[in-house]
Amino acid sequence: MKPALNLLATFVLLVSFSSYALANETALRSYSTQGEYEEVIQDVEDSILNAGLNIDYRGRIGEMLDRTRKDLGGTSKIYKGAQFMQFCSARLSRKMMEADPANMGVCPYIVYVYETIKKPGTVVVGYKRPQGAAGEASRKALTAIDTLLNGIVKEATDN
């Protein structure tokens, strides 16, 4: 194979692998901790407040699943406790939306906490990783939000 073709083939392979890695990057990041579910919930709330943010809403997913289990044909309870908290950072969200108005779809940020029936005493805390519009300014803004959320979750779980 000619050197130019070797170089082109190598470039195509690198782009293919890079695209595959980006497409398969998980949309969720989580950490486990040992403890009481209610204490971990409080740690998450404290971590969010320590970051200067306010919790706008709490979704009690575990309670909803328990309430609707029989009506929807569910056979078992999944969680001992499960909820999410949503909030936003005006400063980071402004940068993200100035980069591209379509990034509005990233707000609000979501942090979730759950303990399963199958693993009592292990509480999982995680967040939806921000994925938005393309472009360098969007990438920088979304990376800053990802860093904020990761810090909140790690602080709450001592990871």
N, C-alpha and C. Protein backbone atom coordinates (compact mmCIF):
# COMPACT_ATOMS: atom_id res chain seq x y z
N MET A 1 0.85 -1.18 0.00
CA MET A 1 0.00 0.00 0.00
C MET A 1 0.89 1.24 0.00
N LYS A 2 0.49 2.22 -0.75
CA LYS A 2 1.25 3.46 -0.83
C LYS A 2 1.19 4.20 0.50
N PRO A 3 2.23 4.99 0.85
CA PRO A 3 2.24 5.73 2.11
C PRO A 3 1.01 6.62 2.30
N ALA A 4 0.56 7.27 1.25
CA ALA A 4 -0.61 8.14 1.37
C ALA A 4 -1.86 7.34 1.71
N LEU A 5 -1.98 6.16 1.12
CA LEU A 5 -3.13 5.31 1.42
C LEU A 5 -3.05 4.76 2.85
N ASN A 6 -1.82 4.42 3.30
CA ASN A 6 -1.65 3.97 4.69
C ASN A 6 -2.09 5.06 5.66
N LEU A 7 -1.67 6.28 5.37
CA LEU A 7 -2.04 7.41 6.23
C LEU A 7 -3.55 7.62 6.23
N LEU A 8 -4.17 7.55 5.06
CA LEU A 8 -5.62 7.71 4.95
C LEU A 8 -6.34 6.60 5.69
N ALA A 9 -5.90 5.35 5.54
CA ALA A 9 -6.53 4.22 6.23
C ALA A 9 -6.41 4.38 7.75
N THR A 10 -5.25 4.82 8.22
CA THR A 10 -5.05 5.04 9.65
C THR A 10 -5.98 6.13 10.16
N PHE A 11 -6.09 7.22 9.39
CA PHE A 11 -6.98 8.32 9.78
C PHE A 11 -8.43 7.85 9.87
N VAL A 12 -8.89 7.08 8.89
CA VAL A 12 -10.26 6.58 8.87
C VAL A 12 -10.51 5.69 10.08
N LEU A 13 -9.54 4.84 10.41
CA LEU A 13 -9.69 3.98 11.58
C LEU A 13 -9.78 4.79 12.87
N LEU A 14 -8.93 5.79 13.00
CA LEU A 14 -8.95 6.62 14.21
C LEU A 14 -10.27 7.36 14.35
N VAL A 15 -10.77 7.91 13.26
CA VAL A 15 -12.05 8.62 13.30
C VAL A 15 -13.17 7.64 13.66
N SER A 16 -13.13 6.45 13.11
CA SER A 16 -14.16 5.45 13.40
C SER A 16 -14.15 5.07 14.87
N PHE A 17 -12.96 4.81 15.42
CA PHE A 17 -12.86 4.45 16.83
C PHE A 17 -13.28 5.60 17.73
N SER A 18 -12.91 6.83 17.37
CA SER A 18 -13.29 8.00 18.16
C SER A 18 -14.80 8.17 18.14
N SER A 19 -15.42 8.03 17.00
CA SER A 19 -16.87 8.15 16.89
C SER A 19 -17.56 7.06 17.70
N TYR A 20 -17.02 5.84 17.66
CA TYR A 20 -17.60 4.74 18.42
C TYR A 20 -17.50 5.03 19.91
N ALA A 21 -16.37 5.52 20.37
CA ALA A 21 -16.18 5.82 21.79
C ALA A 21 -17.14 6.91 22.25
N LEU A 22 -17.31 7.96 21.46
CA LEU A 22 -18.22 9.03 21.83
C LEU A 22 -19.66 8.55 21.84
N ALA A 23 -20.03 7.75 20.87
CA ALA A 23 -21.41 7.27 20.79
C ALA A 23 -21.72 6.32 21.94
N ASN A 24 -20.72 5.62 22.46
CA ASN A 24 -20.95 4.64 23.51
C ASN A 24 -20.59 5.14 24.90
N GLU A 25 -20.23 6.42 25.03
CA GLU A 25 -19.98 6.98 26.35
C GLU A 25 -21.29 6.99 27.11
N THR A 26 -21.26 6.52 28.31
CA THR A 26 -22.49 6.40 29.08
C THR A 26 -23.11 7.76 29.36
N ALA A 27 -24.44 7.79 29.34
CA ALA A 27 -25.15 9.03 29.62
C ALA A 27 -25.32 9.24 31.12
N LEU A 28 -24.98 8.22 31.91
CA LEU A 28 -25.11 8.30 33.35
C LEU A 28 -23.76 8.05 34.00
N ARG A 29 -23.50 8.76 35.09
CA ARG A 29 -22.29 8.51 35.88
C ARG A 29 -22.76 8.35 37.32
N SER A 30 -22.30 7.28 37.97
CA SER A 30 -22.75 7.04 39.35
C SER A 30 -21.63 6.49 40.21
N TYR A 31 -21.84 6.65 41.52
CA TYR A 31 -20.92 6.15 42.54
C TYR A 31 -21.76 5.46 43.61
N SER A 32 -21.21 4.42 44.18
CA SER A 32 -21.87 3.71 45.28
C SER A 32 -21.24 4.10 46.60
N THR A 33 -22.06 4.05 47.64
CA THR A 33 -21.57 4.30 48.98
C THR A 33 -22.33 3.38 49.94
N GLN A 34 -21.74 3.08 51.05
CA GLN A 34 -22.40 2.28 52.07
C GLN A 34 -23.04 3.23 53.08
N GLY A 35 -24.27 2.96 53.47
CA GLY A 35 -24.92 3.81 54.46
C GLY A 35 -26.42 3.71 54.41
N GLU A 36 -27.03 4.55 55.22
CA GLU A 36 -28.48 4.64 55.27
C GLU A 36 -28.97 5.54 54.15
N TYR A 37 -29.97 5.10 53.44
CA TYR A 37 -30.52 5.84 52.30
C TYR A 37 -30.85 7.29 52.68
N GLU A 38 -31.58 7.50 53.76
CA GLU A 38 -31.99 8.86 54.15
C GLU A 38 -30.79 9.75 54.46
N GLU A 39 -29.74 9.18 55.04
CA GLU A 39 -28.53 9.96 55.31
C GLU A 39 -27.84 10.37 54.02
N VAL A 40 -27.81 9.46 53.06
CA VAL A 40 -27.18 9.77 51.76
C VAL A 40 -28.00 10.83 51.04
N ILE A 41 -29.33 10.73 51.10
CA ILE A 41 -30.19 11.78 50.50
C ILE A 41 -29.81 13.13 51.09
N GLN A 42 -29.65 13.19 52.40
CA GLN A 42 -29.29 14.44 53.06
C GLN A 42 -27.91 14.92 52.62
N ASP A 43 -26.97 13.99 52.45
CA ASP A 43 -25.63 14.34 51.98
C ASP A 43 -25.68 14.94 50.58
N VAL A 44 -26.52 14.38 49.72
CA VAL A 44 -26.67 14.90 48.35
C VAL A 44 -27.27 16.30 48.40
N GLU A 45 -28.32 16.47 49.19
CA GLU A 45 -28.94 17.79 49.32
C GLU A 45 -27.92 18.81 49.83
N ASP A 46 -27.16 18.44 50.85
CA ASP A 46 -26.14 19.33 51.39
C ASP A 46 -25.09 19.68 50.34
N SER A 47 -24.68 18.70 49.55
CA SER A 47 -23.68 18.93 48.52
C SER A 47 -24.18 19.91 47.45
N ILE A 48 -25.45 19.78 47.08
CA ILE A 48 -26.05 20.70 46.11
C ILE A 48 -26.09 22.11 46.69
N LEU A 49 -26.55 22.21 47.93
CA LEU A 49 -26.63 23.52 48.59
C LEU A 49 -25.23 24.12 48.80
N ASN A 50 -24.24 23.28 49.13
CA ASN A 50 -22.86 23.74 49.29
C ASN A 50 -22.30 24.33 48.00
N ALA A 51 -22.83 23.88 46.87
CA ALA A 51 -22.40 24.41 45.57
C ALA A 51 -23.12 25.72 45.24
N GLY A 52 -23.96 26.20 46.16
CA GLY A 52 -24.67 27.45 45.94
C GLY A 52 -25.90 27.31 45.08
N LEU A 53 -26.46 26.12 45.01
CA LEU A 53 -27.61 25.85 44.14
C LEU A 53 -28.83 25.51 44.98
N ASN A 54 -30.01 25.67 44.39
CA ASN A 54 -31.26 25.34 45.05
C ASN A 54 -31.94 24.19 44.33
N ILE A 55 -32.50 23.29 45.10
CA ILE A 55 -33.22 22.16 44.53
C ILE A 55 -34.62 22.65 44.15
N ASP A 56 -34.96 22.51 42.87
CA ASP A 56 -36.25 22.96 42.37
C ASP A 56 -37.36 21.93 42.58
N TYR A 57 -36.99 20.65 42.50
CA TYR A 57 -38.01 19.60 42.54
C TYR A 57 -37.36 18.29 42.95
N ARG A 58 -38.14 17.47 43.64
CA ARG A 58 -37.74 16.11 43.98
C ARG A 58 -38.74 15.15 43.36
N GLY A 59 -38.25 14.21 42.61
CA GLY A 59 -39.11 13.17 42.03
C GLY A 59 -38.94 11.91 42.86
N ARG A 60 -40.03 11.41 43.37
CA ARG A 60 -39.99 10.21 44.22
C ARG A 60 -40.34 8.99 43.37
N ILE A 61 -39.37 8.57 42.58
CA ILE A 61 -39.55 7.49 41.62
C ILE A 61 -39.91 6.17 42.31
N GLY A 62 -39.23 5.86 43.39
CA GLY A 62 -39.50 4.62 44.11
C GLY A 62 -40.94 4.54 44.57
N GLU A 63 -41.45 5.64 45.14
CA GLU A 63 -42.83 5.67 45.60
C GLU A 63 -43.81 5.51 44.44
N MET A 64 -43.52 6.15 43.32
CA MET A 64 -44.39 6.03 42.14
C MET A 64 -44.43 4.59 41.63
N LEU A 65 -43.26 3.94 41.58
CA LEU A 65 -43.22 2.55 41.11
C LEU A 65 -43.96 1.62 42.06
N ASP A 66 -43.82 1.86 43.35
CA ASP A 66 -44.55 1.04 44.33
C ASP A 66 -46.06 1.24 44.20
N ARG A 67 -46.47 2.48 44.04
CA ARG A 67 -47.89 2.84 43.96
C ARG A 67 -48.55 2.22 42.72
N THR A 68 -47.82 2.13 41.63
CA THR A 68 -48.40 1.67 40.36
C THR A 68 -48.04 0.22 40.02
N ARG A 69 -47.28 -0.43 40.88
CA ARG A 69 -46.77 -1.78 40.57
C ARG A 69 -47.90 -2.75 40.20
N LYS A 70 -48.87 -2.90 41.04
CA LYS A 70 -49.94 -3.89 40.79
C LYS A 70 -50.76 -3.54 39.56
N ASP A 71 -51.07 -2.26 39.40
CA ASP A 71 -51.87 -1.82 38.25
C ASP A 71 -51.16 -2.07 36.92
N LEU A 72 -49.82 -2.06 36.94
CA LEU A 72 -49.06 -2.23 35.71
C LEU A 72 -48.47 -3.63 35.55
N GLY A 73 -48.87 -4.53 36.43
CA GLY A 73 -48.40 -5.91 36.31
C GLY A 73 -47.02 -6.15 36.86
N GLY A 74 -46.51 -5.23 37.66
CA GLY A 74 -45.20 -5.43 38.27
C GLY A 74 -45.26 -6.56 39.28
N THR A 75 -44.19 -7.33 39.34
CA THR A 75 -44.20 -8.49 40.23
C THR A 75 -43.36 -8.30 41.48
N SER A 76 -42.47 -7.34 41.47
CA SER A 76 -41.61 -7.19 42.64
C SER A 76 -41.26 -5.72 42.86
N LYS A 77 -40.88 -5.46 44.09
CA LYS A 77 -40.41 -4.13 44.45
C LYS A 77 -38.95 -4.03 44.02
N ILE A 78 -38.56 -2.91 43.41
CA ILE A 78 -37.20 -2.73 42.90
C ILE A 78 -36.32 -2.01 43.91
N TYR A 79 -36.85 -0.94 44.49
CA TYR A 79 -36.06 -0.06 45.34
C TYR A 79 -36.55 -0.04 46.78
N LYS A 80 -35.60 0.09 47.71
CA LYS A 80 -35.95 0.43 49.08
C LYS A 80 -36.26 1.92 49.13
N GLY A 81 -35.54 2.69 48.33
CA GLY A 81 -35.74 4.12 48.19
C GLY A 81 -35.15 4.59 46.89
N ALA A 82 -35.83 5.52 46.23
CA ALA A 82 -35.33 6.04 44.95
C ALA A 82 -35.95 7.39 44.67
N GLN A 83 -35.12 8.38 44.46
CA GLN A 83 -35.63 9.70 44.08
C GLN A 83 -34.56 10.45 43.30
N PHE A 84 -35.01 11.52 42.66
CA PHE A 84 -34.06 12.40 41.98
C PHE A 84 -34.32 13.82 42.44
N MET A 85 -33.29 14.64 42.28
CA MET A 85 -33.39 16.06 42.58
C MET A 85 -33.00 16.81 41.32
N GLN A 86 -33.77 17.84 41.01
CA GLN A 86 -33.42 18.65 39.84
C GLN A 86 -33.13 20.08 40.28
N PHE A 87 -32.18 20.68 39.58
CA PHE A 87 -31.73 22.03 39.89
C PHE A 87 -30.97 22.55 38.68
N CYS A 88 -30.60 23.82 38.73
CA CYS A 88 -29.84 24.44 37.65
C CYS A 88 -28.87 25.46 38.24
N SER A 89 -27.86 25.76 37.49
CA SER A 89 -26.93 26.84 37.82
C SER A 89 -27.16 27.94 36.79
N ALA A 90 -27.60 29.10 37.24
CA ALA A 90 -27.86 30.19 36.29
C ALA A 90 -26.59 30.56 35.53
N ARG A 91 -25.46 30.61 36.23
CA ARG A 91 -24.19 31.01 35.60
C ARG A 91 -23.78 30.01 34.51
N LEU A 92 -23.76 28.71 34.85
CA LEU A 92 -23.33 27.71 33.88
C LEU A 92 -24.37 27.52 32.77
N SER A 93 -25.64 27.59 33.13
CA SER A 93 -26.68 27.43 32.11
C SER A 93 -26.66 28.58 31.10
N ARG A 94 -26.40 29.79 31.58
CA ARG A 94 -26.30 30.93 30.67
C ARG A 94 -25.18 30.71 29.66
N LYS A 95 -24.00 30.30 30.14
CA LYS A 95 -22.88 30.04 29.22
C LYS A 95 -23.25 28.96 28.21
N MET A 96 -23.91 27.93 28.69
CA MET A 96 -24.27 26.82 27.82
C MET A 96 -25.26 27.27 26.75
N MET A 97 -26.24 28.09 27.12
CA MET A 97 -27.26 28.52 26.17
C MET A 97 -26.78 29.66 25.28
N GLU A 98 -25.82 30.45 25.76
CA GLU A 98 -25.21 31.45 24.88
C GLU A 98 -24.39 30.75 23.81
N ALA A 99 -23.79 29.61 24.16
CA ALA A 99 -23.03 28.84 23.17
C ALA A 99 -23.95 28.31 22.08
N ASP A 100 -25.15 27.85 22.49
CA ASP A 100 -26.14 27.37 21.53
C ASP A 100 -27.48 27.30 22.25
N PRO A 101 -28.48 28.05 21.78
CA PRO A 101 -29.79 28.03 22.44
C PRO A 101 -30.40 26.64 22.57
N ALA A 102 -30.04 25.72 21.69
CA ALA A 102 -30.58 24.35 21.75
C ALA A 102 -30.14 23.63 23.02
N ASN A 103 -29.09 24.11 23.66
CA ASN A 103 -28.62 23.49 24.91
C ASN A 103 -29.61 23.65 26.05
N MET A 104 -30.67 24.42 25.84
CA MET A 104 -31.70 24.56 26.86
C MET A 104 -32.22 23.19 27.29
N GLY A 105 -32.18 22.23 26.38
CA GLY A 105 -32.65 20.88 26.68
C GLY A 105 -31.86 20.17 27.76
N VAL A 106 -30.71 20.71 28.13
CA VAL A 106 -29.89 20.10 29.18
C VAL A 106 -30.42 20.46 30.57
N CYS A 107 -31.13 21.56 30.68
CA CYS A 107 -31.68 22.00 31.97
C CYS A 107 -33.02 21.34 32.21
N PRO A 108 -33.36 21.00 33.40
CA PRO A 108 -32.54 21.11 34.61
C PRO A 108 -31.56 19.95 34.71
N TYR A 109 -30.61 20.09 35.61
CA TYR A 109 -29.67 19.01 35.89
C TYR A 109 -30.38 18.03 36.84
N ILE A 110 -30.04 16.76 36.71
CA ILE A 110 -30.68 15.72 37.52
C ILE A 110 -29.61 14.92 38.27
N VAL A 111 -29.79 14.80 39.58
CA VAL A 111 -28.99 13.88 40.40
C VAL A 111 -29.97 12.88 40.99
N TYR A 112 -29.62 11.60 40.91
CA TYR A 112 -30.51 10.56 41.42
C TYR A 112 -29.83 9.77 42.54
N VAL A 113 -30.68 9.22 43.41
CA VAL A 113 -30.21 8.44 44.55
C VAL A 113 -31.13 7.23 44.68
N TYR A 114 -30.53 6.04 44.82
CA TYR A 114 -31.37 4.87 45.04
C TYR A 114 -30.64 3.79 45.83
N GLU A 115 -31.46 2.97 46.48
CA GLU A 115 -31.00 1.76 47.17
C GLU A 115 -31.93 0.65 46.71
N THR A 116 -31.40 -0.42 46.19
CA THR A 116 -32.24 -1.50 45.68
C THR A 116 -32.56 -2.50 46.78
N ILE A 117 -33.62 -3.25 46.54
CA ILE A 117 -34.01 -4.34 47.45
C ILE A 117 -32.91 -5.39 47.46
N LYS A 118 -32.30 -5.65 46.30
CA LYS A 118 -31.30 -6.71 46.18
C LYS A 118 -29.96 -6.37 46.83
N LYS A 119 -29.67 -5.08 47.02
CA LYS A 119 -28.41 -4.67 47.63
C LYS A 119 -28.64 -3.66 48.75
N PRO A 120 -29.29 -4.09 49.82
CA PRO A 120 -29.55 -3.16 50.91
C PRO A 120 -28.25 -2.67 51.54
N GLY A 121 -28.23 -1.40 51.91
CA GLY A 121 -27.04 -0.80 52.51
C GLY A 121 -26.10 -0.18 51.51
N THR A 122 -26.28 -0.48 50.22
CA THR A 122 -25.49 0.14 49.15
C THR A 122 -26.38 1.16 48.47
N VAL A 123 -25.98 2.41 48.57
CA VAL A 123 -26.76 3.50 47.99
C VAL A 123 -25.98 4.04 46.79
N VAL A 124 -26.67 4.17 45.67
CA VAL A 124 -26.07 4.66 44.44
C VAL A 124 -26.50 6.12 44.24
N VAL A 125 -25.53 6.96 43.94
CA VAL A 125 -25.79 8.37 43.66
C VAL A 125 -25.17 8.67 42.30
N GLY A 126 -25.95 9.28 41.43
CA GLY A 126 -25.44 9.56 40.10
C GLY A 126 -26.13 10.74 39.47
N TYR A 127 -25.78 10.97 38.22
CA TYR A 127 -26.37 12.09 37.49
C TYR A 127 -26.40 11.81 36.01
N LYS A 128 -27.30 12.52 35.34
CA LYS A 128 -27.35 12.49 33.88
C LYS A 128 -26.25 13.39 33.37
N ARG A 129 -25.38 12.84 32.56
CA ARG A 129 -24.29 13.64 32.00
C ARG A 129 -24.84 14.57 30.93
N PRO A 130 -24.44 15.84 30.99
CA PRO A 130 -24.98 16.80 30.02
C PRO A 130 -24.48 16.53 28.60
N GLN A 131 -25.41 16.36 27.71
CA GLN A 131 -25.10 16.17 26.30
C GLN A 131 -25.96 17.13 25.51
N GLY A 132 -25.32 17.99 24.73
CA GLY A 132 -26.08 19.01 24.03
C GLY A 132 -25.56 19.24 22.63
N ALA A 133 -25.67 20.48 22.21
CA ALA A 133 -25.31 20.88 20.85
C ALA A 133 -23.81 20.75 20.61
N ALA A 134 -23.46 20.67 19.36
CA ALA A 134 -22.06 20.56 18.95
C ALA A 134 -21.38 21.93 18.99
N GLY A 135 -20.09 21.92 18.91
CA GLY A 135 -19.33 23.16 18.86
C GLY A 135 -18.45 23.30 20.08
N GLU A 136 -17.36 24.01 19.91
CA GLU A 136 -16.37 24.17 20.97
C GLU A 136 -16.93 24.90 22.19
N ALA A 137 -17.70 25.96 21.98
CA ALA A 137 -18.25 26.71 23.12
C ALA A 137 -19.24 25.83 23.90
N SER A 138 -20.05 25.06 23.20
CA SER A 138 -20.98 24.15 23.88
C SER A 138 -20.20 23.09 24.65
N ARG A 139 -19.19 22.52 24.03
CA ARG A 139 -18.39 21.48 24.68
C ARG A 139 -17.79 22.00 25.98
N LYS A 140 -17.25 23.22 25.96
CA LYS A 140 -16.66 23.80 27.17
C LYS A 140 -17.71 24.01 28.25
N ALA A 141 -18.86 24.53 27.87
CA ALA A 141 -19.93 24.79 28.84
C ALA A 141 -20.46 23.48 29.43
N LEU A 142 -20.65 22.48 28.59
CA LEU A 142 -21.16 21.18 29.05
C LEU A 142 -20.14 20.47 29.93
N THR A 143 -18.87 20.63 29.61
CA THR A 143 -17.82 20.04 30.44
C THR A 143 -17.82 20.68 31.83
N ALA A 144 -18.03 21.98 31.90
CA ALA A 144 -18.10 22.67 33.20
C ALA A 144 -19.28 22.15 34.03
N ILE A 145 -20.41 21.90 33.38
CA ILE A 145 -21.58 21.38 34.09
C ILE A 145 -21.30 19.94 34.55
N ASP A 146 -20.70 19.14 33.69
CA ASP A 146 -20.35 17.77 34.05
C ASP A 146 -19.42 17.76 35.26
N THR A 147 -18.46 18.67 35.27
CA THR A 147 -17.52 18.77 36.39
C THR A 147 -18.25 19.15 37.68
N LEU A 148 -19.18 20.09 37.60
CA LEU A 148 -19.98 20.48 38.76
C LEU A 148 -20.77 19.29 39.29
N LEU A 149 -21.50 18.60 38.42
CA LEU A 149 -22.33 17.48 38.85
C LEU A 149 -21.50 16.35 39.42
N ASN A 150 -20.37 16.06 38.78
CA ASN A 150 -19.50 15.01 39.28
C ASN A 150 -18.97 15.37 40.68
N GLY A 151 -18.63 16.62 40.87
CA GLY A 151 -18.16 17.07 42.18
C GLY A 151 -19.23 16.93 43.25
N ILE A 152 -20.46 17.28 42.93
CA ILE A 152 -21.57 17.16 43.87
C ILE A 152 -21.76 15.71 44.28
N VAL A 153 -21.79 14.82 43.30
CA VAL A 153 -22.02 13.41 43.57
C VAL A 153 -20.84 12.79 44.34
N LYS A 154 -19.64 13.15 43.95
CA LYS A 154 -18.47 12.61 44.67
C LYS A 154 -18.41 13.12 46.11
N GLU A 155 -18.74 14.38 46.32
CA GLU A 155 -18.76 14.92 47.68
C GLU A 155 -19.78 14.17 48.54
N ALA A 156 -20.94 13.92 47.98
CA ALA A 156 -22.01 13.25 48.74
C ALA A 156 -21.68 11.79 49.06
N THR A 157 -20.85 11.17 48.24
CA THR A 157 -20.54 9.74 48.43
C THR A 157 -19.13 9.52 48.97
N ASP A 158 -18.40 10.58 49.23
CA ASP A 158 -17.01 10.48 49.69
C ASP A 158 -16.14 9.69 48.74
N ASN A 159 -16.36 9.85 47.44
CA ASN A 159 -15.54 9.18 46.41
C ASN A 159 -14.51 10.13 45.85
